[in-house]
Amino acid sequence: MATFQNPTPTIVSGPWTREARERAVAQEVKLAYIEYFRKAVKSRNWIPWDDLPLKEMTEYGPKLSEDTVTLIQSFLGVEDYVGDYVLDALNTVHGRRERRNLQLQWGAEEAKHAEAWELVLLHSGVRTEEQLEAYRDQVAEHHWSMGENHPGFDTPLGLAVYAMVQERATYFNYDELRKRIRAEYGLPDQATAEERQRGQQIGAAGAFKIVANDEIAHHGMFLRIVDIHKKYFPYETLDMVLRVLKGFNMPALYILPDEENMKAALERTQLYTPLKHGRSVANPVLDALGFDNKRALERAVQQSKLLPIGLGPEHVAISRSGEFVVSMDTDTSEANATPVA
């Protein structure tokens, strides 16, 4: 998983008012966006029609099972709501330029994913151009919004927290389907020596590897934004993380035209289950945010309510067990540290 180091905290003169915290968050998010943009353009700037192993998809396409094809088509549908995702996010973060620009870059990268899944289905010979056009037209008949799908998450902070979890879940789903495709191709889970040498996995597995790399990078970016918010707004951020983890589900599934087929395929393949979500999505998110488990997060939410008003991030530390330690001096040594009761 991608990891980031936060830039040096902005020095804000005067007391830590809400306005001062908002200003510090905006400045750190801007720096994070610049770093993210540089890496995205330099290392993940791929083109679906040029950079995917399309000929191999044609060769290996007959090996794909109907459940696998159904899942790929469903992922096409979910990704095809990218316009709704971006529009909803832009309206939500209105006035925050650093977040607006991030959402635009994110949307440009996500727009390639639906095109990739259409190419996989088409070149694998499992769907015709006419079938894909009809399916995508059906998807476009419905509108998605965060407020309808996930009430209470439709705030700038909620958007970042939800995206952090959702992108981790999407990465997991794509990597699991990559392994399933490889098994149906008659290949091992991971790339062979020949694939590593050429720098790309075979056929549809290669497409899923490329797109999964995008998704884990997106997860890392939103994780960084959440971590920045956690530093300046601990209670609001941790409470939102807890709420999102408790009420999380993937976006737009309920309006897909093939929703029932997708659910049946997920049930048969066990690609994504509550247990897998806990182990491979929720737990890694908690670990990356600095918590041992969900109970530690719950403890942190409760303790963060008791933090003295006006303390800046230089006065506050949090343990992996969810306990806050406060220093009333700029010297944060143990001698000056006081646990939050």
C-alpha atoms as a PDB file:
ATOM      1  CA  MET A   1       0.000   0.000   0.000  1.00  0.00           C
ATOM      2  CA  ALA A   2       1.241   3.475  -0.800  1.00  0.00           C
ATOM      3  CA  THR A   3       2.433   5.456   2.248  1.00  0.00           C
ATOM      4  CA  PHE A   4       3.125   9.165   2.572  1.00  0.00           C
ATOM      5  CA  GLN A   5       4.941  11.442   4.978  1.00  0.00           C
ATOM      6  CA  ASN A   6       3.020  14.560   5.945  1.00  0.00           C
ATOM      7  CA  PRO A   7       4.778  17.856   5.182  1.00  0.00           C
ATOM      8  CA  THR A   8       5.918  20.025   8.062  1.00  0.00           C
ATOM      9  CA  PRO A   9       2.808  21.447   9.779  1.00  0.00           C
ATOM     10  CA  THR A  10       1.999  25.012   8.795  1.00  0.00           C
ATOM     11  CA  ILE A  11       2.891  27.497  11.530  1.00  0.00           C
ATOM     12  CA  VAL A  12      -0.210  29.535  12.276  1.00  0.00           C
ATOM     13  CA  SER A  13       0.164  32.667  14.382  1.00  0.00           C
ATOM     14  CA  GLY A  14      -2.397  33.228  17.084  1.00  0.00           C
ATOM     15  CA  PRO A  15      -4.747  30.717  18.721  1.00  0.00           C
ATOM     16  CA  TRP A  16      -5.884  27.458  17.085  1.00  0.00           C
ATOM     17  CA  THR A  17      -9.289  28.698  16.041  1.00  0.00           C
ATOM     18  CA  ARG A  18     -11.426  26.710  13.651  1.00  0.00           C
ATOM     19  CA  GLU A  19     -10.426  29.100  10.870  1.00  0.00           C
ATOM     20  CA  ALA A  20      -6.741  28.546  11.640  1.00  0.00           C
ATOM     21  CA  ARG A  21      -7.229  24.772  11.531  1.00  0.00           C
ATOM     22  CA  GLU A  22      -9.119  24.971   8.242  1.00  0.00           C
ATOM     23  CA  ARG A  23      -6.339  27.096   6.777  1.00  0.00           C
ATOM     24  CA  ALA A  24      -3.664  24.642   7.908  1.00  0.00           C
ATOM     25  CA  VAL A  25      -5.623  21.703   6.441  1.00  0.00           C
ATOM     26  CA  ALA A  26      -6.019  23.497   3.109  1.00  0.00           C
ATOM     27  CA  GLN A  27      -2.315  24.264   2.877  1.00  0.00           C
ATOM     28  CA  GLU A  28      -1.258  20.704   3.700  1.00  0.00           C
ATOM     29  CA  VAL A  29      -3.798  19.200   1.317  1.00  0.00           C
ATOM     30  CA  LYS A  30      -2.473  21.477  -1.446  1.00  0.00           C
ATOM     31  CA  LEU A  31       1.055  20.167  -0.883  1.00  0.00           C
ATOM     32  CA  ALA A  32      -0.266  16.614  -0.852  1.00  0.00           C
ATOM     33  CA  TYR A  33      -2.121  17.196  -4.123  1.00  0.00           C
ATOM     34  CA  ILE A  34       1.006  18.551  -5.829  1.00  0.00           C
ATOM     35  CA  GLU A  35       3.013  15.510  -4.763  1.00  0.00           C
ATOM     36  CA  TYR A  36       0.207  13.177  -5.839  1.00  0.00           C
ATOM     37  CA  PHE A  37      -0.155  14.861  -9.236  1.00  0.00           C
ATOM     38  CA  ARG A  38       3.573  14.568  -9.950  1.00  0.00           C
ATOM     39  CA  LYS A  39       3.602  10.845  -9.172  1.00  0.00           C
ATOM     40  CA  ALA A  40       0.394  10.167 -11.103  1.00  0.00           C
ATOM     41  CA  VAL A  41       1.598  11.795 -14.302  1.00  0.00           C
ATOM     42  CA  LYS A  42       5.110  10.353 -14.141  1.00  0.00           C
ATOM     43  CA  SER A  43       4.389   6.771 -13.083  1.00  0.00           C
ATOM     44  CA  ARG A  44       0.734   5.893 -13.880  1.00  0.00           C
ATOM     45  CA  ASN A  45       0.045   7.771 -17.110  1.00  0.00           C
ATOM     46  CA  TRP A  46      -1.370   4.861 -19.157  1.00  0.00           C
ATOM     47  CA  ILE A  47      -3.812   4.805 -22.085  1.00  0.00           C
ATOM     48  CA  PRO A  48      -6.487   2.054 -22.246  1.00  0.00           C
ATOM     49  CA  TRP A  49      -6.503   1.696 -26.039  1.00  0.00           C
ATOM     50  CA  ASP A  50      -2.702   1.632 -26.321  1.00  0.00           C
ATOM     51  CA  ASP A  51      -1.251   0.087 -23.173  1.00  0.00           C
ATOM     52  CA  LEU A  52      -3.400  -2.981 -22.441  1.00  0.00           C
ATOM     53  CA  PRO A  53      -2.539  -6.473 -23.831  1.00  0.00           C
ATOM     54  CA  LEU A  54      -5.625  -6.625 -26.073  1.00  0.00           C
ATOM     55  CA  LYS A  55      -4.406  -9.396 -28.394  1.00  0.00           C
ATOM     56  CA  GLU A  56      -3.828 -11.710 -25.454  1.00  0.00           C
ATOM     57  CA  MET A  57      -7.352 -11.010 -24.223  1.00  0.00           C
ATOM     58  CA  THR A  58      -8.655 -12.350 -27.529  1.00  0.00           C
ATOM     59  CA  GLU A  59      -6.484 -15.452 -27.195  1.00  0.00           C
ATOM     60  CA  TYR A  60      -7.455 -16.208 -23.590  1.00  0.00           C
ATOM     61  CA  GLY A  61     -11.025 -14.874 -23.646  1.00  0.00           C
ATOM     62  CA  PRO A  62     -12.771 -18.276 -24.102  1.00  0.00           C
ATOM     63  CA  LYS A  63     -11.279 -19.395 -20.772  1.00  0.00           C
ATOM     64  CA  LEU A  64     -13.235 -16.804 -18.752  1.00  0.00           C
ATOM     65  CA  SER A  65     -16.193 -18.152 -16.768  1.00  0.00           C
ATOM     66  CA  GLU A  66     -19.638 -16.544 -16.948  1.00  0.00           C
ATOM     67  CA  ASP A  67     -19.356 -15.407 -13.314  1.00  0.00           C
ATOM     68  CA  THR A  68     -16.090 -13.652 -14.084  1.00  0.00           C
ATOM     69  CA  VAL A  69     -17.633 -11.960 -17.126  1.00  0.00           C
ATOM     70  CA  THR A  70     -20.638 -10.855 -15.050  1.00  0.00           C
ATOM     71  CA  LEU A  71     -18.368  -9.313 -12.424  1.00  0.00           C
ATOM     72  CA  ILE A  72     -16.279  -7.464 -15.010  1.00  0.00           C
ATOM     73  CA  GLN A  73     -19.441  -6.063 -16.578  1.00  0.00           C
ATOM     74  CA  SER A  74     -20.708  -4.977 -13.154  1.00  0.00           C
ATOM     75  CA  PHE A  75     -17.426  -3.196 -12.461  1.00  0.00           C
ATOM     76  CA  LEU A  76     -17.845  -1.466 -15.818  1.00  0.00           C
ATOM     77  CA  GLY A  77     -21.219  -0.210 -14.612  1.00  0.00           C
ATOM     78  CA  VAL A  78     -19.866   1.036 -11.278  1.00  0.00           C
ATOM     79  CA  GLU A  79     -16.953   2.817 -12.957  1.00  0.00           C
ATOM     80  CA  ASP A  80     -19.264   4.373 -15.555  1.00  0.00           C
ATOM     81  CA  TYR A  81     -20.824   6.540 -12.851  1.00  0.00           C
ATOM     82  CA  VAL A  82     -17.563   8.500 -12.670  1.00  0.00           C
ATOM     83  CA  GLY A  83     -19.306  11.634 -13.944  1.00  0.00           C
ATOM     84  CA  ASP A  84     -21.806  11.477 -11.082  1.00  0.00           C
ATOM     85  CA  TYR A  85     -19.031  10.834  -8.558  1.00  0.00           C
ATOM     86  CA  VAL A  86     -17.029  13.846  -9.728  1.00  0.00           C
ATOM     87  CA  LEU A  87     -20.040  16.170 -10.010  1.00  0.00           C
ATOM     88  CA  ASP A  88     -21.229  15.232  -6.539  1.00  0.00           C
ATOM     89  CA  ALA A  89     -17.750  15.726  -5.099  1.00  0.00           C
ATOM     90  CA  LEU A  90     -17.253  19.103  -6.791  1.00  0.00           C
ATOM     91  CA  ASN A  91     -20.524  20.346  -5.359  1.00  0.00           C
ATOM     92  CA  THR A  92     -19.546  19.027  -1.932  1.00  0.00           C
ATOM     93  CA  VAL A  93     -16.057  20.605  -1.799  1.00  0.00           C
ATOM     94  CA  HIS A  94     -17.203  23.870  -3.400  1.00  0.00           C
ATOM     95  CA  GLY A  95     -14.790  26.694  -2.563  1.00  0.00           C
ATOM     96  CA  ARG A  96     -11.909  24.394  -1.618  1.00  0.00           C
ATOM     97  CA  ARG A  97      -9.600  24.710  -4.619  1.00  0.00           C
ATOM     98  CA  GLU A  98      -7.116  22.123  -3.442  1.00  0.00           C
ATOM     99  CA  ARG A  99      -9.867  19.524  -3.070  1.00  0.00           C
ATOM    100  CA  ARG A 100     -11.525  20.538  -6.339  1.00  0.00           C
ATOM    101  CA  ASN A 101      -8.324  19.993  -8.285  1.00  0.00           C
ATOM    102  CA  LEU A 102      -7.749  16.636  -6.633  1.00  0.00           C
ATOM    103  CA  GLN A 103     -11.257  15.477  -7.568  1.00  0.00           C
ATOM    104  CA  LEU A 104     -10.713  16.557 -11.178  1.00  0.00           C
ATOM    105  CA  GLN A 105      -7.449  14.623 -11.412  1.00  0.00           C
ATOM    106  CA  TRP A 106      -9.017  11.620  -9.679  1.00  0.00           C
ATOM    107  CA  GLY A 107     -11.936  11.714 -12.105  1.00  0.00           C
ATOM    108  CA  ALA A 108      -9.640  11.821 -15.128  1.00  0.00           C
ATOM    109  CA  GLU A 109      -7.853   8.712 -13.895  1.00  0.00           C
ATOM    110  CA  GLU A 110     -11.082   6.910 -12.979  1.00  0.00           C
ATOM    111  CA  ALA A 111     -12.589   7.627 -16.413  1.00  0.00           C
ATOM    112  CA  LYS A 112     -10.014   5.259 -17.918  1.00  0.00           C
ATOM    113  CA  HIS A 113     -11.249   2.341 -15.827  1.00  0.00           C
ATOM    114  CA  ALA A 114     -14.652   1.956 -17.476  1.00  0.00           C
ATOM    115  CA  GLU A 115     -12.945   2.103 -20.860  1.00  0.00           C
ATOM    116  CA  ALA A 116     -10.533  -0.612 -19.728  1.00  0.00           C
ATOM    117  CA  TRP A 117     -13.368  -2.939 -18.679  1.00  0.00           C
ATOM    118  CA  GLU A 118     -15.200  -2.365 -21.953  1.00  0.00           C
ATOM    119  CA  LEU A 119     -12.031  -3.293 -23.846  1.00  0.00           C
ATOM    120  CA  VAL A 120     -11.561  -6.412 -21.694  1.00  0.00           C
ATOM    121  CA  LEU A 121     -15.112  -7.606 -22.409  1.00  0.00           C
ATOM    122  CA  LEU A 122     -14.946  -6.726 -26.089  1.00  0.00           C
ATOM    123  CA  HIS A 123     -11.525  -8.195 -26.873  1.00  0.00           C
ATOM    124  CA  SER A 124     -12.169 -11.289 -24.760  1.00  0.00           C
ATOM    125  CA  GLY A 125     -15.056 -11.974 -27.129  1.00  0.00           C
ATOM    126  CA  VAL A 126     -17.638 -12.216 -24.343  1.00  0.00           C
ATOM    127  CA  ARG A 127     -19.636  -9.092 -25.246  1.00  0.00           C
ATOM    128  CA  THR A 128     -20.294  -7.347 -28.555  1.00  0.00           C
ATOM    129  CA  GLU A 129     -20.031  -3.624 -29.200  1.00  0.00           C
ATOM    130  CA  GLU A 130     -23.817  -3.460 -29.415  1.00  0.00           C
ATOM    131  CA  GLN A 131     -24.272  -5.223 -26.068  1.00  0.00           C
ATOM    132  CA  LEU A 132     -21.771  -2.949 -24.354  1.00  0.00           C
ATOM    133  CA  GLU A 133     -23.334   0.174 -25.831  1.00  0.00           C
ATOM    134  CA  ALA A 134     -26.780  -0.937 -24.645  1.00  0.00           C
ATOM    135  CA  TYR A 135     -25.482  -1.752 -21.161  1.00  0.00           C
ATOM    136  CA  ARG A 136     -23.726   1.580 -20.739  1.00  0.00           C
ATOM    137  CA  ASP A 137     -26.833   3.402 -21.974  1.00  0.00           C
ATOM    138  CA  GLN A 138     -28.849   1.610 -19.275  1.00  0.00           C
ATOM    139  CA  VAL A 139     -26.330   2.644 -16.643  1.00  0.00           C
ATOM    140  CA  ALA A 140     -26.599   6.262 -17.797  1.00  0.00           C
ATOM    141  CA  GLU A 141     -30.366   6.281 -17.222  1.00  0.00           C
ATOM    142  CA  HIS A 142     -29.824   6.519 -13.463  1.00  0.00           C
ATOM    143  CA  HIS A 143     -28.158   9.171 -11.333  1.00  0.00           C
ATOM    144  CA  TRP A 144     -25.987   8.515  -8.274  1.00  0.00           C
ATOM    145  CA  SER A 145     -25.383  10.853  -5.352  1.00  0.00           C
ATOM    146  CA  MET A 146     -23.512  10.424  -2.087  1.00  0.00           C
ATOM    147  CA  GLY A 147     -26.401  11.883  -0.087  1.00  0.00           C
ATOM    148  CA  GLU A 148     -28.839   9.302  -1.434  1.00  0.00           C
ATOM    149  CA  ASN A 149     -26.489   6.323  -1.301  1.00  0.00           C
ATOM    150  CA  HIS A 150     -24.700   7.222   1.940  1.00  0.00           C
ATOM    151  CA  PRO A 151     -26.673   9.780   3.993  1.00  0.00           C
ATOM    152  CA  GLY A 152     -24.463  11.716   6.371  1.00  0.00           C
ATOM    153  CA  PHE A 153     -21.252  11.192   4.447  1.00  0.00           C
ATOM    154  CA  ASP A 154     -21.928  14.013   1.970  1.00  0.00           C
ATOM    155  CA  THR A 155     -19.525  16.564   3.488  1.00  0.00           C
ATOM    156  CA  PRO A 156     -15.944  17.360   2.406  1.00  0.00           C
ATOM    157  CA  LEU A 157     -14.606  15.305   5.309  1.00  0.00           C
ATOM    158  CA  GLY A 158     -17.109  12.480   4.798  1.00  0.00           C
ATOM    159  CA  LEU A 159     -16.245  12.369   1.120  1.00  0.00           C
ATOM    160  CA  ALA A 160     -12.537  11.894   1.874  1.00  0.00           C
ATOM    161  CA  VAL A 161     -13.138   9.252   4.531  1.00  0.00           C
ATOM    162  CA  TYR A 162     -15.567   7.314   2.362  1.00  0.00           C
ATOM    163  CA  ALA A 163     -13.235   7.489  -0.653  1.00  0.00           C
ATOM    164  CA  MET A 164     -10.336   6.253   1.487  1.00  0.00           C
ATOM    165  CA  VAL A 165     -12.291   3.099   2.376  1.00  0.00           C
ATOM    166  CA  GLN A 166     -13.991   2.673  -0.998  1.00  0.00           C
ATOM    167  CA  GLU A 167     -10.735   2.853  -2.946  1.00  0.00           C
ATOM    168  CA  ARG A 168      -9.154   0.262  -0.668  1.00  0.00           C
ATOM    169  CA  ALA A 169     -12.171  -2.005  -1.212  1.00  0.00           C
ATOM    170  CA  THR A 170     -12.044  -1.479  -4.980  1.00  0.00           C
ATOM    171  CA  TYR A 171      -8.348  -2.324  -5.017  1.00  0.00           C
ATOM    172  CA  PHE A 172      -9.051  -5.530  -3.111  1.00  0.00           C
ATOM    173  CA  ASN A 173     -11.889  -6.517  -5.477  1.00  0.00           C
ATOM    174  CA  TYR A 174      -9.798  -5.893  -8.569  1.00  0.00           C
ATOM    175  CA  ASP A 175      -6.821  -7.773  -7.213  1.00  0.00           C
ATOM    176  CA  GLU A 176      -9.018 -10.722  -6.267  1.00  0.00           C
ATOM    177  CA  LEU A 177     -10.583 -10.762  -9.728  1.00  0.00           C
ATOM    178  CA  ARG A 178      -7.105 -10.546 -11.254  1.00  0.00           C
ATOM    179  CA  LYS A 179      -6.196 -13.739  -9.380  1.00  0.00           C
ATOM    180  CA  ARG A 180      -9.434 -15.392 -10.488  1.00  0.00           C
ATOM    181  CA  ILE A 181      -8.743 -14.498 -14.113  1.00  0.00           C
ATOM    182  CA  ARG A 182      -5.227 -15.886 -13.849  1.00  0.00           C
ATOM    183  CA  ALA A 183      -6.578 -19.145 -12.418  1.00  0.00           C
ATOM    184  CA  GLU A 184      -9.015 -19.446 -15.321  1.00  0.00           C
ATOM    185  CA  TYR A 185      -6.158 -18.735 -17.723  1.00  0.00           C
ATOM    186  CA  GLY A 186      -4.234 -21.579 -16.067  1.00  0.00           C
ATOM    187  CA  LEU A 187      -1.667 -19.261 -14.454  1.00  0.00           C
ATOM    188  CA  PRO A 188      -0.434 -18.858 -10.849  1.00  0.00           C
ATOM    189  CA  ASP A 189      -1.732 -16.014  -8.661  1.00  0.00           C
ATOM    190  CA  GLN A 190       1.317 -13.851  -9.173  1.00  0.00           C
ATOM    191  CA  ALA A 191       3.199 -12.875 -12.310  1.00  0.00           C
ATOM    192  CA  THR A 192       5.534 -15.427 -13.856  1.00  0.00           C
ATOM    193  CA  ALA A 193       9.212 -14.681 -14.449  1.00  0.00           C
ATOM    194  CA  GLU A 194       8.429 -13.985 -18.121  1.00  0.00           C
ATOM    195  CA  GLU A 195       5.673 -11.529 -17.191  1.00  0.00           C
ATOM    196  CA  ARG A 196       7.924  -9.752 -14.703  1.00  0.00           C
ATOM    197  CA  GLN A 197      10.626  -9.467 -17.318  1.00  0.00           C
ATOM    198  CA  ARG A 198       8.309  -7.836 -19.842  1.00  0.00           C
ATOM    199  CA  GLY A 199       6.681  -5.675 -17.137  1.00  0.00           C
ATOM    200  CA  GLN A 200       3.061  -6.684 -17.733  1.00  0.00           C
ATOM    201  CA  GLN A 201       0.747  -9.559 -16.826  1.00  0.00           C
ATOM    202  CA  ILE A 202      -1.109 -11.534 -19.472  1.00  0.00           C
ATOM    203  CA  GLY A 203      -4.392 -10.426 -21.027  1.00  0.00           C
ATOM    204  CA  ALA A 204      -7.235  -9.301 -18.764  1.00  0.00           C
ATOM    205  CA  ALA A 205      -5.056  -9.954 -15.707  1.00  0.00           C
ATOM    206  CA  GLY A 206      -2.695  -7.282 -17.001  1.00  0.00           C
ATOM    207  CA  ALA A 207      -5.574  -4.811 -17.270  1.00  0.00           C
ATOM    208  CA  PHE A 208      -6.698  -5.552 -13.713  1.00  0.00           C
ATOM    209  CA  LYS A 209      -3.176  -5.115 -12.399  1.00  0.00           C
ATOM    210  CA  ILE A 210      -2.848  -1.673 -14.019  1.00  0.00           C
ATOM    211  CA  VAL A 211      -6.233  -0.463 -12.779  1.00  0.00           C
ATOM    212  CA  ALA A 212      -5.657  -1.895  -9.297  1.00  0.00           C
ATOM    213  CA  ASN A 213      -2.429   0.147  -9.121  1.00  0.00           C
ATOM    214  CA  ASP A 214      -4.518   3.272  -9.719  1.00  0.00           C
ATOM    215  CA  GLU A 215      -6.970   2.315  -7.002  1.00  0.00           C
ATOM    216  CA  ILE A 216      -4.371   1.728  -4.305  1.00  0.00           C
ATOM    217  CA  ALA A 217      -2.728   5.047  -5.215  1.00  0.00           C
ATOM    218  CA  HIS A 218      -6.116   6.742  -4.857  1.00  0.00           C
ATOM    219  CA  HIS A 219      -6.569   5.066  -1.489  1.00  0.00           C
ATOM    220  CA  GLY A 220      -3.193   6.406  -0.392  1.00  0.00           C
ATOM    221  CA  MET A 221      -4.111   9.921  -1.448  1.00  0.00           C
ATOM    222  CA  PHE A 222      -7.414   9.988   0.426  1.00  0.00           C
ATOM    223  CA  LEU A 223      -5.759   8.325   3.417  1.00  0.00           C
ATOM    224  CA  ARG A 224      -3.300  11.192   3.514  1.00  0.00           C
ATOM    225  CA  ILE A 225      -6.118  13.756   3.409  1.00  0.00           C
ATOM    226  CA  VAL A 226      -7.905  11.990   6.270  1.00  0.00           C
ATOM    227  CA  ASP A 227      -4.680  11.871   8.275  1.00  0.00           C
ATOM    228  CA  ILE A 228      -4.248  15.629   7.791  1.00  0.00           C
ATOM    229  CA  HIS A 229      -7.786  16.224   9.037  1.00  0.00           C
ATOM    230  CA  LYS A 230      -7.174  13.887  11.977  1.00  0.00           C
ATOM    231  CA  LYS A 231      -4.285  16.074  13.087  1.00  0.00           C
ATOM    232  CA  TYR A 232      -6.301  19.305  13.178  1.00  0.00           C
ATOM    233  CA  PHE A 233      -9.838  18.011  13.801  1.00  0.00           C
ATOM    234  CA  PRO A 234      -9.388  14.773  15.771  1.00  0.00           C
ATOM    235  CA  TYR A 235     -12.926  14.278  17.042  1.00  0.00           C
ATOM    236  CA  GLU A 236     -14.722  15.149  13.790  1.00  0.00           C
ATOM    237  CA  THR A 237     -12.348  13.010  11.726  1.00  0.00           C
ATOM    238  CA  LEU A 238     -12.274   9.942  13.954  1.00  0.00           C
ATOM    239  CA  ASP A 239     -16.033  10.048  14.447  1.00  0.00           C
ATOM    240  CA  MET A 240     -16.526  10.140  10.675  1.00  0.00           C
ATOM    241  CA  VAL A 241     -14.085   7.242  10.162  1.00  0.00           C
ATOM    242  CA  LEU A 242     -16.057   5.177  12.666  1.00  0.00           C
ATOM    243  CA  ARG A 243     -19.381   6.072  11.026  1.00  0.00           C
ATOM    244  CA  VAL A 244     -18.106   5.216   7.545  1.00  0.00           C
ATOM    245  CA  LEU A 245     -16.658   1.877   8.657  1.00  0.00           C
ATOM    246  CA  LYS A 246     -19.945   0.968  10.349  1.00  0.00           C
ATOM    247  CA  GLY A 247     -22.127   1.937   7.377  1.00  0.00           C
ATOM    248  CA  PHE A 248     -19.869   1.233   4.399  1.00  0.00           C
ATOM    249  CA  ASN A 249     -21.061  -0.283   1.155  1.00  0.00           C
ATOM    250  CA  MET A 250     -19.788   0.073  -2.390  1.00  0.00           C
ATOM    251  CA  PRO A 251     -21.294   2.904  -4.468  1.00  0.00           C
ATOM    252  CA  ALA A 252     -24.013   2.583  -7.125  1.00  0.00           C
ATOM    253  CA  LEU A 253     -24.492  -1.191  -6.825  1.00  0.00           C
ATOM    254  CA  TYR A 254     -28.194  -0.774  -6.100  1.00  0.00           C
ATOM    255  CA  ILE A 255     -28.856   0.998  -9.441  1.00  0.00           C
ATOM    256  CA  LEU A 256     -26.892  -1.278 -11.763  1.00  0.00           C
ATOM    257  CA  PRO A 257     -29.092  -2.818 -14.483  1.00  0.00           C
ATOM    258  CA  ASP A 258     -27.537  -6.238 -13.758  1.00  0.00           C
ATOM    259  CA  GLU A 259     -27.603  -5.918  -9.965  1.00  0.00           C
ATOM    260  CA  GLU A 260     -29.180  -9.330  -9.345  1.00  0.00           C
ATOM    261  CA  ASN A 261     -26.738 -11.140 -11.642  1.00  0.00           C
ATOM    262  CA  MET A 262     -23.841  -9.388  -9.940  1.00  0.00           C
ATOM    263  CA  LYS A 263     -25.070 -10.354  -6.449  1.00  0.00           C
ATOM    264  CA  ALA A 264     -25.507 -13.975  -7.535  1.00  0.00           C
ATOM    265  CA  ALA A 265     -21.989 -14.046  -9.011  1.00  0.00           C
ATOM    266  CA  LEU A 266     -20.528 -12.549  -5.824  1.00  0.00           C
ATOM    267  CA  GLU A 267     -22.350 -15.165  -3.764  1.00  0.00           C
ATOM    268  CA  ARG A 268     -21.056 -18.043  -5.898  1.00  0.00           C
ATOM    269  CA  THR A 269     -17.474 -16.793  -6.170  1.00  0.00           C
ATOM    270  CA  GLN A 270     -17.180 -15.403  -2.608  1.00  0.00           C
ATOM    271  CA  LEU A 271     -15.008 -12.714  -4.157  1.00  0.00           C
ATOM    272  CA  TYR A 272     -15.982 -10.124  -1.536  1.00  0.00           C
ATOM    273  CA  THR A 273     -17.442 -11.157   1.823  1.00  0.00           C
ATOM    274  CA  PRO A 274     -17.870  -9.388   5.185  1.00  0.00           C
ATOM    275  CA  LEU A 275     -14.932 -11.376   6.562  1.00  0.00           C
ATOM    276  CA  LYS A 276     -12.707 -10.396   3.645  1.00  0.00           C
ATOM    277  CA  HIS A 277     -13.820  -6.781   4.010  1.00  0.00           C
ATOM    278  CA  GLY A 278     -12.767  -6.793   7.655  1.00  0.00           C
ATOM    279  CA  ARG A 279      -9.417  -8.449   7.066  1.00  0.00           C
ATOM    280  CA  SER A 280      -8.388  -6.777   3.807  1.00  0.00           C
ATOM    281  CA  VAL A 281     -10.117  -3.384   3.897  1.00  0.00           C
ATOM    282  CA  ALA A 282     -11.194  -2.191   7.355  1.00  0.00           C
ATOM    283  CA  ASN A 283      -8.214  -3.557   9.307  1.00  0.00           C
ATOM    284  CA  PRO A 284      -5.559  -2.143   6.928  1.00  0.00           C
ATOM    285  CA  VAL A 285      -7.325   1.234   7.029  1.00  0.00           C
ATOM    286  CA  LEU A 286      -7.283   1.229  10.835  1.00  0.00           C
ATOM    287  CA  ASP A 287      -3.631   0.189  10.868  1.00  0.00           C
ATOM    288  CA  ALA A 288      -2.672   2.951   8.427  1.00  0.00           C
ATOM    289  CA  LEU A 289      -4.473   5.533  10.600  1.00  0.00           C
ATOM    290  CA  GLY A 290      -2.483   4.345  13.610  1.00  0.00           C
ATOM    291  CA  PHE A 291      -4.956   2.086  15.452  1.00  0.00           C
ATOM    292  CA  ASP A 292      -4.648  -1.510  16.525  1.00  0.00           C
ATOM    293  CA  ASN A 293      -8.298  -2.313  15.919  1.00  0.00           C
ATOM    294  CA  LYS A 294     -11.834  -0.933  15.801  1.00  0.00           C
ATOM    295  CA  ARG A 295     -12.078  -0.857  19.591  1.00  0.00           C
ATOM    296  CA  ALA A 296      -9.060   1.455  19.685  1.00  0.00           C
ATOM    297  CA  LEU A 297     -10.788   3.768  17.204  1.00  0.00           C
ATOM    298  CA  GLU A 298     -13.930   3.795  19.345  1.00  0.00           C
ATOM    299  CA  ARG A 299     -11.840   4.667  22.389  1.00  0.00           C
ATOM    300  CA  ALA A 300     -10.153   7.484  20.462  1.00  0.00           C
ATOM    301  CA  VAL A 301     -13.506   8.925  19.407  1.00  0.00           C
ATOM    302  CA  GLN A 302     -14.657   9.079  23.013  1.00  0.00           C
ATOM    303  CA  GLN A 303     -11.386  10.518  24.330  1.00  0.00           C
ATOM    304  CA  SER A 304     -11.145  13.121  21.574  1.00  0.00           C
ATOM    305  CA  LYS A 305     -14.351  14.702  22.908  1.00  0.00           C
ATOM    306  CA  LEU A 306     -12.429  15.547  26.091  1.00  0.00           C
ATOM    307  CA  LEU A 307      -9.509  17.340  24.434  1.00  0.00           C
ATOM    308  CA  PRO A 308      -9.124  20.918  25.717  1.00  0.00           C
ATOM    309  CA  ILE A 309     -10.326  23.515  23.223  1.00  0.00           C
ATOM    310  CA  GLY A 310      -7.583  25.509  21.538  1.00  0.00           C
ATOM    311  CA  LEU A 311      -4.822  22.902  21.622  1.00  0.00           C
ATOM    312  CA  GLY A 312      -2.889  22.583  18.378  1.00  0.00           C
ATOM    313  CA  PRO A 313      -1.539  19.350  16.920  1.00  0.00           C
ATOM    314  CA  GLU A 314       1.863  20.006  18.497  1.00  0.00           C
ATOM    315  CA  HIS A 315       0.244  19.401  21.904  1.00  0.00           C
ATOM    316  CA  VAL A 316      -1.607  16.175  21.115  1.00  0.00           C
ATOM    317  CA  ALA A 317      -0.453  12.602  20.504  1.00  0.00           C
ATOM    318  CA  ILE A 318      -2.486   9.423  20.161  1.00  0.00           C
ATOM    319  CA  SER A 319      -1.454   5.836  20.818  1.00  0.00           C
ATOM    320  CA  ARG A 320      -2.341   2.789  18.755  1.00  0.00           C
ATOM    321  CA  SER A 321      -4.693   1.744  21.531  1.00  0.00           C
ATOM    322  CA  GLY A 322      -6.698   4.942  21.005  1.00  0.00           C
ATOM    323  CA  GLU A 323      -5.525   6.895  24.041  1.00  0.00           C
ATOM    324  CA  PHE A 324      -4.682  10.581  23.746  1.00  0.00           C
ATOM    325  CA  VAL A 325      -1.747  12.189  25.501  1.00  0.00           C
ATOM    326  CA  VAL A 326      -1.752  15.977  25.868  1.00  0.00           C
ATOM    327  CA  SER A 327       1.198  18.262  26.552  1.00  0.00           C
ATOM    328  CA  MET A 328       0.378  21.808  27.676  1.00  0.00           C
ATOM    329  CA  ASP A 329       3.901  22.947  26.716  1.00  0.00           C
ATOM    330  CA  THR A 330       5.562  22.963  23.324  1.00  0.00           C
ATOM    331  CA  ASP A 331       8.035  20.557  24.914  1.00  0.00           C
ATOM    332  CA  THR A 332       6.274  17.202  24.369  1.00  0.00           C
ATOM    333  CA  SER A 333       8.536  15.135  26.587  1.00  0.00           C
ATOM    334  CA  GLU A 334       7.090  12.555  28.965  1.00  0.00           C
ATOM    335  CA  ALA A 335       7.567  14.912  31.899  1.00  0.00           C
ATOM    336  CA  ASN A 336       4.995  17.313  30.475  1.00  0.00           C
ATOM    337  CA  ALA A 337       2.589  14.736  29.047  1.00  0.00           C
ATOM    338  CA  THR A 338      -0.810  14.144  30.606  1.00  0.00           C
ATOM    339  CA  PRO A 339      -3.184  11.318  29.585  1.00  0.00           C
ATOM    340  CA  VAL A 340      -6.711  12.342  28.682  1.00  0.00           C
ATOM    341  CA  ALA A 341      -8.966  10.869  31.365  1.00  0.00           C
END
